[in-house]
Each structure stands twice: as C-alpha cells, then as structure tokens.
C-alpha cells in the first residue's frame, strides 16, 4: 500500500491562502485589476485540490525568498487555461 503524501508540508511548496469575497474586492480595488487579469492556477493543481479550491477562487501565495524575504503572488482558480482550444 502506498503511503499518503501531504504536499502542503513539502519545503518547496509555498503557503496558499484562499481569499474571501471582501479580500478579493479589496485586492482588485487596491491594484486596479479585474479577476480576468490575474494569472491562472488550474483546479487540478495538486495544491489547489488539496486546500479545496473551486473555480473563481483567488489564492494568495506567500513565497519565502533568501533575497526578497517574502514575495506575495495572486492566482485565480480556473478549470482550464484561457487559450486552450477544443480540436475536434
């Protein structure tokens, strides 16, 4: 039987926080963007799945850096990349 692996405890995985609706609104107003302008993270991303995200959630990703100290990034959860095409 394979041992379960907790991806959130891996040293290379930064902290991911799901923003609530008020935090999303404040973020968009503060940096003057819309949800569509944020970089995407897919719903099937291992960390996104692990923390229970859904499409439209905005994640705050806190990365520790030896040079910058702490860097904060934001991603919106999407089911697919916006440029994917259905080739039928």
C-alpha atoms as a PDB file:
ATOM      1  CA  UNK A   1       0.000   0.000   0.000  1.00  0.00           C
ATOM      2  CA  UNK A   2       1.334   3.431  -0.992  1.00  0.00           C
ATOM      3  CA  UNK A   3       1.957   5.981   1.765  1.00  0.00           C
ATOM      4  CA  UNK A   4      -0.115   9.202   1.605  1.00  0.00           C
ATOM      5  CA  UNK A   5       1.950  12.333   0.882  1.00  0.00           C
ATOM      6  CA  UNK A   6       0.912  15.742   2.261  1.00  0.00           C
ATOM      7  CA  UNK A   7       2.026  18.192  -0.433  1.00  0.00           C
ATOM      8  CA  UNK A   8       1.371  21.167   1.871  1.00  0.00           C
ATOM      9  CA  UNK A   9       4.188  20.060   4.183  1.00  0.00           C
ATOM     10  CA  UNK A  10       6.830  19.931   1.430  1.00  0.00           C
ATOM     11  CA  UNK A  11       9.566  22.535   1.937  1.00  0.00           C
ATOM     12  CA  UNK A  12       9.313  23.812  -1.652  1.00  0.00           C
ATOM     13  CA  UNK A  13       5.538  24.386  -1.573  1.00  0.00           C
ATOM     14  CA  UNK A  14       4.695  27.958  -0.518  1.00  0.00           C
ATOM     15  CA  UNK A  15       1.718  28.842   1.660  1.00  0.00           C
ATOM     16  CA  UNK A  16      -1.557  29.125  -0.298  1.00  0.00           C
ATOM     17  CA  UNK A  17      -4.485  31.084   1.197  1.00  0.00           C
ATOM     18  CA  UNK A  18      -7.987  31.291  -0.302  1.00  0.00           C
ATOM     19  CA  UNK A  19      -9.247  34.894  -0.183  1.00  0.00           C
ATOM     20  CA  UNK A  20     -12.812  35.582   0.905  1.00  0.00           C
ATOM     21  CA  UNK A  21     -15.094  37.842  -1.169  1.00  0.00           C
ATOM     22  CA  UNK A  22     -14.195  41.001   0.788  1.00  0.00           C
ATOM     23  CA  UNK A  23     -10.466  40.311   0.445  1.00  0.00           C
ATOM     24  CA  UNK A  24     -10.894  39.717  -3.321  1.00  0.00           C
ATOM     25  CA  UNK A  25     -12.765  43.011  -3.741  1.00  0.00           C
ATOM     26  CA  UNK A  26     -10.142  44.885  -1.716  1.00  0.00           C
ATOM     27  CA  UNK A  27      -7.311  43.317  -3.772  1.00  0.00           C
ATOM     28  CA  UNK A  28      -8.921  44.248  -7.104  1.00  0.00           C
ATOM     29  CA  UNK A  29      -9.528  47.830  -5.953  1.00  0.00           C
ATOM     30  CA  UNK A  30      -6.057  48.223  -4.451  1.00  0.00           C
ATOM     31  CA  UNK A  31      -4.125  47.046  -7.503  1.00  0.00           C
ATOM     32  CA  UNK A  32      -6.749  48.218 -10.028  1.00  0.00           C
ATOM     33  CA  UNK A  33      -7.272  44.977 -11.923  1.00  0.00           C
ATOM     34  CA  UNK A  34     -10.068  42.521 -12.638  1.00  0.00           C
ATOM     35  CA  UNK A  35     -10.184  38.798 -11.970  1.00  0.00           C
ATOM     36  CA  UNK A  36      -9.522  38.100 -15.664  1.00  0.00           C
ATOM     37  CA  UNK A  37      -6.171  39.900 -15.431  1.00  0.00           C
ATOM     38  CA  UNK A  38      -4.775  37.603 -12.734  1.00  0.00           C
ATOM     39  CA  UNK A  39      -2.541  34.659 -13.658  1.00  0.00           C
ATOM     40  CA  UNK A  40      -4.357  31.317 -13.510  1.00  0.00           C
ATOM     41  CA  UNK A  41      -3.922  28.193 -11.421  1.00  0.00           C
ATOM     42  CA  UNK A  42      -5.868  25.147 -12.551  1.00  0.00           C
ATOM     43  CA  UNK A  43      -8.466  23.365 -10.431  1.00  0.00           C
ATOM     44  CA  UNK A  44      -6.481  20.152 -10.892  1.00  0.00           C
ATOM     45  CA  UNK A  45      -3.266  21.673  -9.480  1.00  0.00           C
ATOM     46  CA  UNK A  46      -2.184  19.424  -6.568  1.00  0.00           C
ATOM     47  CA  UNK A  47      -2.131  22.268  -4.008  1.00  0.00           C
ATOM     48  CA  UNK A  48      -5.396  23.787  -5.278  1.00  0.00           C
ATOM     49  CA  UNK A  49      -7.063  20.374  -4.933  1.00  0.00           C
ATOM     50  CA  UNK A  50      -5.514  19.792  -1.518  1.00  0.00           C
ATOM     51  CA  UNK A  51      -6.881  23.019   0.005  1.00  0.00           C
ATOM     52  CA  UNK A  52     -10.330  22.625  -1.579  1.00  0.00           C
ATOM     53  CA  UNK A  53     -10.440  25.466  -4.096  1.00  0.00           C
ATOM     54  CA  UNK A  54     -13.184  25.961  -6.642  1.00  0.00           C
ATOM     55  CA  UNK A  55     -13.279  27.837  -9.930  1.00  0.00           C
ATOM     56  CA  UNK A  56     -13.211  31.606  -9.346  1.00  0.00           C
ATOM     57  CA  UNK A  57     -11.384  31.458  -6.004  1.00  0.00           C
ATOM     58  CA  UNK A  58      -8.406  33.778  -5.669  1.00  0.00           C
ATOM     59  CA  UNK A  59      -5.299  32.428  -3.968  1.00  0.00           C
ATOM     60  CA  UNK A  60      -2.712  34.453  -2.123  1.00  0.00           C
ATOM     61  CA  UNK A  61       0.607  32.624  -2.443  1.00  0.00           C
ATOM     62  CA  UNK A  62       3.280  33.583   0.090  1.00  0.00           C
ATOM     63  CA  UNK A  63       6.771  32.608  -1.057  1.00  0.00           C
ATOM     64  CA  UNK A  64       9.847  32.900   1.137  1.00  0.00           C
ATOM     65  CA  UNK A  65      12.957  34.138  -0.622  1.00  0.00           C
ATOM     66  CA  UNK A  66      16.535  34.475   0.611  1.00  0.00           C
ATOM     67  CA  UNK A  67      16.893  37.742  -1.325  1.00  0.00           C
ATOM     68  CA  UNK A  68      13.433  39.324  -1.168  1.00  0.00           C
ATOM     69  CA  UNK A  69      12.371  37.985   2.215  1.00  0.00           C
ATOM     70  CA  UNK A  70       8.720  37.337   1.382  1.00  0.00           C
ATOM     71  CA  UNK A  71       7.029  37.636  -2.017  1.00  0.00           C
ATOM     72  CA  UNK A  72       3.260  37.588  -2.408  1.00  0.00           C
ATOM     73  CA  UNK A  73       1.589  36.395  -5.593  1.00  0.00           C
ATOM     74  CA  UNK A  74      -2.070  36.060  -6.517  1.00  0.00           C
ATOM     75  CA  UNK A  75      -3.703  33.484  -8.794  1.00  0.00           C
ATOM     76  CA  UNK A  76      -7.313  32.890  -9.823  1.00  0.00           C
ATOM     77  CA  UNK A  77      -8.517  29.277  -9.924  1.00  0.00           C
ATOM     78  CA  UNK A  78      -9.653  28.201 -13.393  1.00  0.00           C
ATOM     79  CA  UNK A  79     -10.874  24.907 -14.904  1.00  0.00           C
ATOM     80  CA  UNK A  80      -8.707  25.352 -17.984  1.00  0.00           C
ATOM     81  CA  UNK A  81      -6.197  27.748 -19.493  1.00  0.00           C
ATOM     82  CA  UNK A  82      -7.883  30.593 -21.380  1.00  0.00           C
ATOM     83  CA  UNK A  83      -6.005  29.778 -24.587  1.00  0.00           C
ATOM     84  CA  UNK A  84      -6.890  26.057 -24.716  1.00  0.00           C
ATOM     85  CA  UNK A  85      -8.818  25.019 -27.785  1.00  0.00           C
ATOM     86  CA  UNK A  86     -11.043  22.086 -28.440  1.00  0.00           C
ATOM     87  CA  UNK A  87      -9.640  20.364 -31.547  1.00  0.00           C
ATOM     88  CA  UNK A  88     -12.456  18.119 -32.773  1.00  0.00           C
END
